[in-house]
């Protein structure tokens, strides 16, 4: 998947940094059968994979701006499968 401009953060390696979340377009052949959108967790990031053609680039960009706002203002916290619930902001 291509990085669509949202900074990547290694949340688990540096717990004082906020996690990254973004929407990326994925070719249909790389998506799970029957899905138009799927969450993918990787290296402290959450990527919403969206099947190419299902969302306009403008809408994706606007969503990525909102996601950055939500994370930047502490309105969203990632709860990792391993139980890691560290705050994305240093306190």
Protein backbone atom coordinates (compact mmCIF):
# COMPACT_ATOMS: atom_id res chain seq x y z
CA UNK A 1 0.00 0.00 0.00
CA UNK A 2 1.20 3.47 -0.74
CA UNK A 3 1.64 6.05 1.98
CA UNK A 4 -0.92 8.76 1.30
CA UNK A 5 0.91 11.52 3.15
CA UNK A 6 0.03 10.81 6.78
CA UNK A 7 3.12 10.60 8.98
CA UNK A 8 3.91 7.15 10.26
CA UNK A 9 4.64 6.76 13.96
CA UNK A 10 6.13 3.73 15.68
CA UNK A 11 3.77 3.82 18.68
CA UNK A 12 5.12 0.69 20.29
CA UNK A 13 8.77 1.72 19.95
CA UNK A 14 8.23 5.30 21.16
CA UNK A 15 5.17 5.38 23.44
CA UNK A 16 5.16 9.18 23.76
CA UNK A 17 4.22 9.64 20.11
CA UNK A 18 0.66 9.41 18.88
CA UNK A 19 -0.44 6.53 16.69
CA UNK A 20 -1.09 7.10 12.99
CA UNK A 21 -4.35 6.36 11.23
CA UNK A 22 -5.10 6.94 7.59
CA UNK A 23 -7.14 5.77 4.62
CA UNK A 24 -5.32 4.26 1.65
CA UNK A 25 -6.59 2.92 -1.66
CA UNK A 26 -5.84 -0.75 -2.37
CA UNK A 27 -6.21 -2.64 -5.66
CA UNK A 28 -9.21 -4.98 -5.69
CA UNK A 29 -7.02 -8.08 -6.00
CA UNK A 30 -5.29 -7.23 -2.69
CA UNK A 31 -8.54 -6.76 -0.76
CA UNK A 32 -10.29 -9.62 1.07
CA UNK A 33 -13.09 -11.13 -1.03
CA UNK A 34 -16.38 -9.33 -0.55
CA UNK A 35 -14.90 -6.30 1.26
CA UNK A 36 -14.79 -2.70 0.11
CA UNK A 37 -13.02 -1.53 3.29
CA UNK A 38 -10.85 -3.37 5.82
CA UNK A 39 -8.81 -2.22 8.84
CA UNK A 40 -5.13 -3.18 8.84
CA UNK A 41 -3.00 -2.69 11.96
CA UNK A 42 0.74 -2.40 11.38
CA UNK A 43 3.70 -0.93 13.30
CA UNK A 44 1.53 1.17 15.60
CA UNK A 45 -0.59 2.45 12.72
CA UNK A 46 -4.15 1.72 11.71
CA UNK A 47 -4.72 1.83 7.96
CA UNK A 48 -8.23 1.72 6.57
CA UNK A 49 -7.76 -0.07 3.26
CA UNK A 50 -10.42 1.02 0.77
CA UNK A 51 -10.90 -0.83 -2.51
CA UNK A 52 -9.82 1.42 -5.38
CA UNK A 53 -12.76 3.15 -7.02
CA UNK A 54 -15.00 2.99 -3.94
CA UNK A 55 -14.04 6.46 -2.64
CA UNK A 56 -12.93 9.62 -4.40
CA UNK A 57 -9.41 10.94 -3.74
CA UNK A 58 -10.93 14.17 -2.40
CA UNK A 59 -13.07 12.31 0.12
CA UNK A 60 -10.07 10.22 1.21
CA UNK A 61 -8.01 13.37 1.73
CA UNK A 62 -10.78 15.02 3.74
CA UNK A 63 -11.20 11.91 5.92
CA UNK A 64 -7.44 11.78 6.51
CA UNK A 65 -7.55 15.43 7.66
CA UNK A 66 -10.37 14.63 10.10
CA UNK A 67 -8.54 11.55 11.39
CA UNK A 68 -5.42 13.64 11.99
CA UNK A 69 -7.53 16.20 13.88
CA UNK A 70 -9.18 13.53 16.04
CA UNK A 71 -5.84 11.96 16.97
CA UNK A 72 -4.07 15.30 17.38
CA UNK A 73 -6.66 16.45 19.89
CA UNK A 74 -6.65 13.23 21.91
CA UNK A 75 -10.17 12.23 20.88
CA UNK A 76 -9.12 8.74 19.76
CA UNK A 77 -6.91 6.15 21.43
CA UNK A 78 -5.77 2.88 19.90
CA UNK A 79 -6.37 -0.27 21.96
CA UNK A 80 -3.89 -2.80 20.59
CA UNK A 81 -4.68 -6.52 20.54
CA UNK A 82 -1.82 -7.18 22.97
CA UNK A 83 -3.55 -4.99 25.59
CA UNK A 84 -1.26 -1.99 25.10
CA UNK A 85 -3.40 1.07 25.90
CA UNK A 86 -0.66 3.68 26.24
CA UNK A 87 -1.75 7.26 25.83
CA UNK A 88 -0.84 8.74 22.44
CA UNK A 89 0.22 11.97 24.16
CA UNK A 90 2.87 12.52 26.84
CA UNK A 91 1.34 13.64 30.16
